[in-house]
Amino acid sequence: MVVEKFSQGVVNSGIFRLYIATGFFATLIFFVINADLYTPLEMIFGIIAVTVILKGISNMMLSLIILLFSLDNKRSELDFKYNEEKIDAMLAELSVQEAQKF
């Protein structure tokens, strides 16, 4: 659940779309500047190939981020919250018992 929320947050942030769009436009500019060296068909295939490769790299980066995502901090945070709730419940019970004594 935590990893899914994290990965959805990363995907929804748009960082990978920005990465792919930047690569696409950089490739497009490269081919426009060097238009005398390439045919239009080579330009189209080059732009498509670079965009597909960048999409694959961004998917691998997302997989690596999810793989290296550490759940230890989240686990300790959840344990702390659980223990805090348990201690609060015990203190409330103790307060009730002390109030009943007087």
N, C-alpha and C. Protein backbone atom coordinates (compact mmCIF):
# COMPACT_ATOMS: atom_id res chain seq x y z
N MET A 1 0.82 -1.19 0.00
CA MET A 1 0.00 0.00 0.00
C MET A 1 0.87 1.26 0.00
N VAL A 2 1.90 1.27 0.82
CA VAL A 2 2.76 2.44 0.91
C VAL A 2 3.54 2.62 -0.38
N VAL A 3 4.05 1.52 -0.92
CA VAL A 3 4.82 1.60 -2.17
C VAL A 3 3.93 2.03 -3.32
N GLU A 4 2.68 1.56 -3.34
CA GLU A 4 1.77 1.96 -4.40
C GLU A 4 1.46 3.45 -4.32
N LYS A 5 1.27 3.97 -3.10
CA LYS A 5 1.03 5.41 -2.95
C LYS A 5 2.24 6.20 -3.41
N PHE A 6 3.41 5.72 -3.01
CA PHE A 6 4.65 6.41 -3.39
C PHE A 6 4.83 6.41 -4.90
N SER A 7 4.64 5.25 -5.53
CA SER A 7 4.85 5.17 -6.97
C SER A 7 3.80 5.99 -7.72
N GLN A 8 2.57 6.02 -7.23
CA GLN A 8 1.55 6.85 -7.86
C GLN A 8 1.89 8.33 -7.72
N GLY A 9 2.45 8.70 -6.57
CA GLY A 9 2.88 10.08 -6.38
C GLY A 9 3.98 10.47 -7.33
N VAL A 10 4.92 9.57 -7.55
CA VAL A 10 6.02 9.84 -8.48
C VAL A 10 5.49 9.94 -9.91
N VAL A 11 4.62 9.03 -10.29
CA VAL A 11 4.08 9.05 -11.65
C VAL A 11 3.21 10.29 -11.86
N ASN A 12 2.40 10.63 -10.87
CA ASN A 12 1.50 11.78 -11.02
C ASN A 12 2.24 13.12 -10.95
N SER A 13 3.47 13.11 -10.43
CA SER A 13 4.22 14.36 -10.37
C SER A 13 4.60 14.86 -11.76
N GLY A 14 4.68 13.98 -12.73
CA GLY A 14 4.96 14.37 -14.10
C GLY A 14 6.43 14.50 -14.40
N ILE A 15 7.29 14.09 -13.50
CA ILE A 15 8.73 14.22 -13.71
C ILE A 15 9.20 13.37 -14.88
N PHE A 16 8.61 12.18 -15.05
CA PHE A 16 9.01 11.32 -16.15
C PHE A 16 8.49 11.84 -17.48
N ARG A 17 7.30 12.41 -17.48
CA ARG A 17 6.78 13.01 -18.71
C ARG A 17 7.64 14.19 -19.14
N LEU A 18 8.07 14.97 -18.16
CA LEU A 18 8.95 16.11 -18.46
C LEU A 18 10.29 15.62 -19.02
N TYR A 19 10.81 14.54 -18.44
CA TYR A 19 12.07 13.94 -18.90
C TYR A 19 11.93 13.48 -20.36
N ILE A 20 10.85 12.79 -20.67
CA ILE A 20 10.64 12.29 -22.03
C ILE A 20 10.41 13.45 -23.01
N ALA A 21 9.63 14.44 -22.60
CA ALA A 21 9.36 15.58 -23.48
C ALA A 21 10.64 16.37 -23.75
N THR A 22 11.47 16.53 -22.73
CA THR A 22 12.74 17.23 -22.93
C THR A 22 13.63 16.48 -23.91
N GLY A 23 13.71 15.17 -23.76
CA GLY A 23 14.49 14.36 -24.69
C GLY A 23 13.94 14.41 -26.10
N PHE A 24 12.61 14.40 -26.22
CA PHE A 24 11.97 14.47 -27.53
C PHE A 24 12.32 15.78 -28.24
N PHE A 25 12.16 16.89 -27.52
CA PHE A 25 12.43 18.18 -28.15
C PHE A 25 13.92 18.40 -28.40
N ALA A 26 14.78 17.86 -27.52
CA ALA A 26 16.21 17.95 -27.77
C ALA A 26 16.58 17.18 -29.04
N THR A 27 15.99 16.02 -29.22
CA THR A 27 16.25 15.23 -30.43
C THR A 27 15.71 15.94 -31.66
N LEU A 28 14.53 16.51 -31.52
CA LEU A 28 13.93 17.25 -32.63
C LEU A 28 14.82 18.43 -33.03
N ILE A 29 15.32 19.16 -32.05
CA ILE A 29 16.21 20.29 -32.34
C ILE A 29 17.51 19.80 -32.99
N PHE A 30 18.04 18.68 -32.49
CA PHE A 30 19.24 18.11 -33.08
C PHE A 30 19.04 17.81 -34.56
N PHE A 31 17.93 17.18 -34.89
CA PHE A 31 17.69 16.82 -36.28
C PHE A 31 17.39 18.06 -37.14
N VAL A 32 16.77 19.07 -36.57
CA VAL A 32 16.50 20.29 -37.34
C VAL A 32 17.82 21.02 -37.63
N ILE A 33 18.70 21.07 -36.64
CA ILE A 33 20.00 21.73 -36.86
C ILE A 33 20.83 20.98 -37.88
N ASN A 34 20.78 19.66 -37.84
CA ASN A 34 21.56 18.83 -38.76
C ASN A 34 20.70 18.29 -39.91
N ALA A 35 19.78 19.09 -40.38
CA ALA A 35 18.83 18.65 -41.41
C ALA A 35 19.53 18.29 -42.72
N ASP A 36 20.66 18.91 -42.99
CA ASP A 36 21.34 18.60 -44.25
C ASP A 36 22.04 17.25 -44.23
N LEU A 37 22.19 16.65 -43.06
CA LEU A 37 22.85 15.34 -42.95
C LEU A 37 21.88 14.15 -42.96
N TYR A 38 20.61 14.40 -42.66
CA TYR A 38 19.63 13.31 -42.52
C TYR A 38 18.45 13.51 -43.45
N THR A 39 17.88 12.39 -43.90
CA THR A 39 16.66 12.46 -44.71
C THR A 39 15.47 12.58 -43.75
N PRO A 40 14.34 13.04 -44.24
CA PRO A 40 13.16 13.17 -43.36
C PRO A 40 12.74 11.84 -42.71
N LEU A 41 12.87 10.74 -43.47
CA LEU A 41 12.51 9.44 -42.91
C LEU A 41 13.45 9.06 -41.76
N GLU A 42 14.74 9.34 -41.91
CA GLU A 42 15.69 9.07 -40.84
C GLU A 42 15.39 9.93 -39.61
N MET A 43 14.99 11.17 -39.85
CA MET A 43 14.64 12.05 -38.74
C MET A 43 13.45 11.51 -37.96
N ILE A 44 12.42 11.10 -38.68
CA ILE A 44 11.21 10.59 -38.02
C ILE A 44 11.54 9.33 -37.22
N PHE A 45 12.26 8.39 -37.84
CA PHE A 45 12.62 7.16 -37.12
C PHE A 45 13.55 7.45 -35.94
N GLY A 46 14.46 8.41 -36.12
CA GLY A 46 15.36 8.78 -35.03
C GLY A 46 14.62 9.38 -33.86
N ILE A 47 13.68 10.26 -34.13
CA ILE A 47 12.89 10.89 -33.06
C ILE A 47 12.04 9.85 -32.34
N ILE A 48 11.41 8.96 -33.12
CA ILE A 48 10.58 7.92 -32.51
C ILE A 48 11.45 6.97 -31.68
N ALA A 49 12.61 6.58 -32.21
CA ALA A 49 13.49 5.65 -31.48
C ALA A 49 13.98 6.27 -30.17
N VAL A 50 14.39 7.53 -30.23
CA VAL A 50 14.89 8.18 -29.00
C VAL A 50 13.76 8.32 -27.98
N THR A 51 12.57 8.64 -28.43
CA THR A 51 11.43 8.78 -27.50
C THR A 51 11.10 7.44 -26.86
N VAL A 52 11.10 6.37 -27.63
CA VAL A 52 10.82 5.04 -27.08
C VAL A 52 11.91 4.63 -26.09
N ILE A 53 13.16 4.91 -26.45
CA ILE A 53 14.27 4.57 -25.54
C ILE A 53 14.16 5.36 -24.24
N LEU A 54 13.84 6.64 -24.33
CA LEU A 54 13.69 7.45 -23.11
C LEU A 54 12.52 6.97 -22.26
N LYS A 55 11.45 6.53 -22.90
CA LYS A 55 10.31 5.98 -22.15
C LYS A 55 10.73 4.71 -21.42
N GLY A 56 11.51 3.86 -22.08
CA GLY A 56 12.01 2.65 -21.43
C GLY A 56 12.93 2.96 -20.27
N ILE A 57 13.80 3.94 -20.46
CA ILE A 57 14.71 4.34 -19.37
C ILE A 57 13.93 4.91 -18.20
N SER A 58 12.90 5.71 -18.48
CA SER A 58 12.10 6.27 -17.38
C SER A 58 11.35 5.17 -16.63
N ASN A 59 10.89 4.15 -17.34
CA ASN A 59 10.24 3.02 -16.66
C ASN A 59 11.23 2.25 -15.79
N MET A 60 12.47 2.10 -16.30
CA MET A 60 13.49 1.42 -15.49
C MET A 60 13.85 2.26 -14.26
N MET A 61 13.90 3.59 -14.43
CA MET A 61 14.19 4.45 -13.28
C MET A 61 13.09 4.35 -12.24
N LEU A 62 11.84 4.31 -12.67
CA LEU A 62 10.73 4.17 -11.72
C LEU A 62 10.82 2.82 -11.01
N SER A 63 11.14 1.77 -11.74
CA SER A 63 11.29 0.45 -11.12
C SER A 63 12.41 0.45 -10.10
N LEU A 64 13.51 1.11 -10.43
CA LEU A 64 14.64 1.19 -9.51
C LEU A 64 14.29 2.00 -8.27
N ILE A 65 13.55 3.08 -8.45
CA ILE A 65 13.13 3.89 -7.31
C ILE A 65 12.25 3.06 -6.38
N ILE A 66 11.31 2.33 -6.95
CA ILE A 66 10.42 1.49 -6.14
C ILE A 66 11.21 0.38 -5.46
N LEU A 67 12.17 -0.21 -6.18
CA LEU A 67 12.98 -1.28 -5.62
C LEU A 67 13.81 -0.80 -4.45
N LEU A 68 14.37 0.39 -4.56
CA LEU A 68 15.24 0.92 -3.52
C LEU A 68 14.49 1.70 -2.44
N PHE A 69 13.18 1.81 -2.57
CA PHE A 69 12.37 2.51 -1.57
C PHE A 69 12.41 1.75 -0.26
N SER A 70 12.82 2.40 0.79
CA SER A 70 12.97 1.75 2.09
C SER A 70 11.68 1.88 2.90
N LEU A 71 11.21 0.75 3.36
CA LEU A 71 10.01 0.75 4.20
C LEU A 71 10.34 0.77 5.69
N ASP A 72 11.62 0.77 6.04
CA ASP A 72 12.00 0.76 7.45
C ASP A 72 11.52 2.01 8.17
N ASN A 73 11.67 3.17 7.55
CA ASN A 73 11.21 4.41 8.19
C ASN A 73 9.70 4.39 8.38
N LYS A 74 8.99 3.91 7.37
CA LYS A 74 7.53 3.86 7.46
C LYS A 74 7.09 2.87 8.53
N ARG A 75 7.78 1.74 8.61
CA ARG A 75 7.46 0.73 9.61
C ARG A 75 7.67 1.29 11.02
N SER A 76 8.79 1.99 11.24
CA SER A 76 9.05 2.55 12.56
C SER A 76 8.04 3.64 12.89
N GLU A 77 7.62 4.40 11.89
CA GLU A 77 6.60 5.43 12.11
C GLU A 77 5.27 4.79 12.50
N LEU A 78 4.89 3.72 11.81
CA LEU A 78 3.64 3.03 12.13
C LEU A 78 3.72 2.38 13.51
N ASP A 79 4.87 1.79 13.84
CA ASP A 79 5.05 1.20 15.17
C ASP A 79 4.94 2.26 16.25
N PHE A 80 5.54 3.42 16.01
CA PHE A 80 5.48 4.51 16.98
C PHE A 80 4.04 4.97 17.17
N LYS A 81 3.29 5.12 16.07
CA LYS A 81 1.88 5.54 16.18
C LYS A 81 1.07 4.49 16.94
N TYR A 82 1.32 3.21 16.64
CA TYR A 82 0.60 2.14 17.33
C TYR A 82 0.91 2.16 18.82
N ASN A 83 2.19 2.28 19.15
CA ASN A 83 2.57 2.32 20.56
C ASN A 83 2.06 3.57 21.25
N GLU A 84 2.05 4.68 20.55
CA GLU A 84 1.53 5.91 21.12
C GLU A 84 0.05 5.78 21.45
N GLU A 85 -0.72 5.19 20.54
CA GLU A 85 -2.15 4.98 20.79
C GLU A 85 -2.36 4.03 21.97
N LYS A 86 -1.54 3.02 22.04
CA LYS A 86 -1.65 2.05 23.13
C LYS A 86 -1.34 2.72 24.47
N ILE A 87 -0.29 3.52 24.52
CA ILE A 87 0.08 4.23 25.75
C ILE A 87 -1.00 5.23 26.13
N ASP A 88 -1.56 5.94 25.16
CA ASP A 88 -2.64 6.89 25.46
C ASP A 88 -3.85 6.17 26.04
N ALA A 89 -4.17 5.01 25.48
CA ALA A 89 -5.31 4.24 26.01
C ALA A 89 -5.03 3.77 27.43
N MET A 90 -3.81 3.34 27.72
CA MET A 90 -3.47 2.91 29.08
C MET A 90 -3.50 4.07 30.06
N LEU A 91 -3.02 5.24 29.63
CA LEU A 91 -3.07 6.42 30.50
C LEU A 91 -4.51 6.84 30.77
N ALA A 92 -5.35 6.77 29.76
CA ALA A 92 -6.75 7.11 29.95
C ALA A 92 -7.40 6.15 30.93
N GLU A 93 -7.10 4.86 30.79
CA GLU A 93 -7.64 3.86 31.71
C GLU A 93 -7.14 4.10 33.13
N LEU A 94 -5.87 4.46 33.28
CA LEU A 94 -5.30 4.74 34.59
C LEU A 94 -5.95 5.98 35.21
N SER A 95 -6.23 6.99 34.40
CA SER A 95 -6.89 8.20 34.89
C SER A 95 -8.28 7.88 35.38
N VAL A 96 -8.98 7.04 34.66
CA VAL A 96 -10.33 6.64 35.05
C VAL A 96 -10.28 5.86 36.38
N GLN A 97 -9.33 4.96 36.50
CA GLN A 97 -9.20 4.19 37.73
C GLN A 97 -8.85 5.09 38.92
N GLU A 98 -7.97 6.07 38.73
CA GLU A 98 -7.63 6.98 39.81
C GLU A 98 -8.80 7.87 40.18
N ALA A 99 -9.57 8.27 39.18
CA ALA A 99 -10.75 9.12 39.45
C ALA A 99 -11.80 8.32 40.22
N GLN A 100 -11.90 7.03 39.97
CA GLN A 100 -12.87 6.19 40.68
C GLN A 100 -12.47 5.96 42.13
N LYS A 101 -11.16 5.98 42.41
CA LYS A 101 -10.68 5.78 43.77
C LYS A 101 -11.06 6.94 44.67
N PHE A 102 -11.08 8.15 44.14
CA PHE A 102 -11.37 9.32 44.96
C PHE A 102 -12.81 9.59 44.91
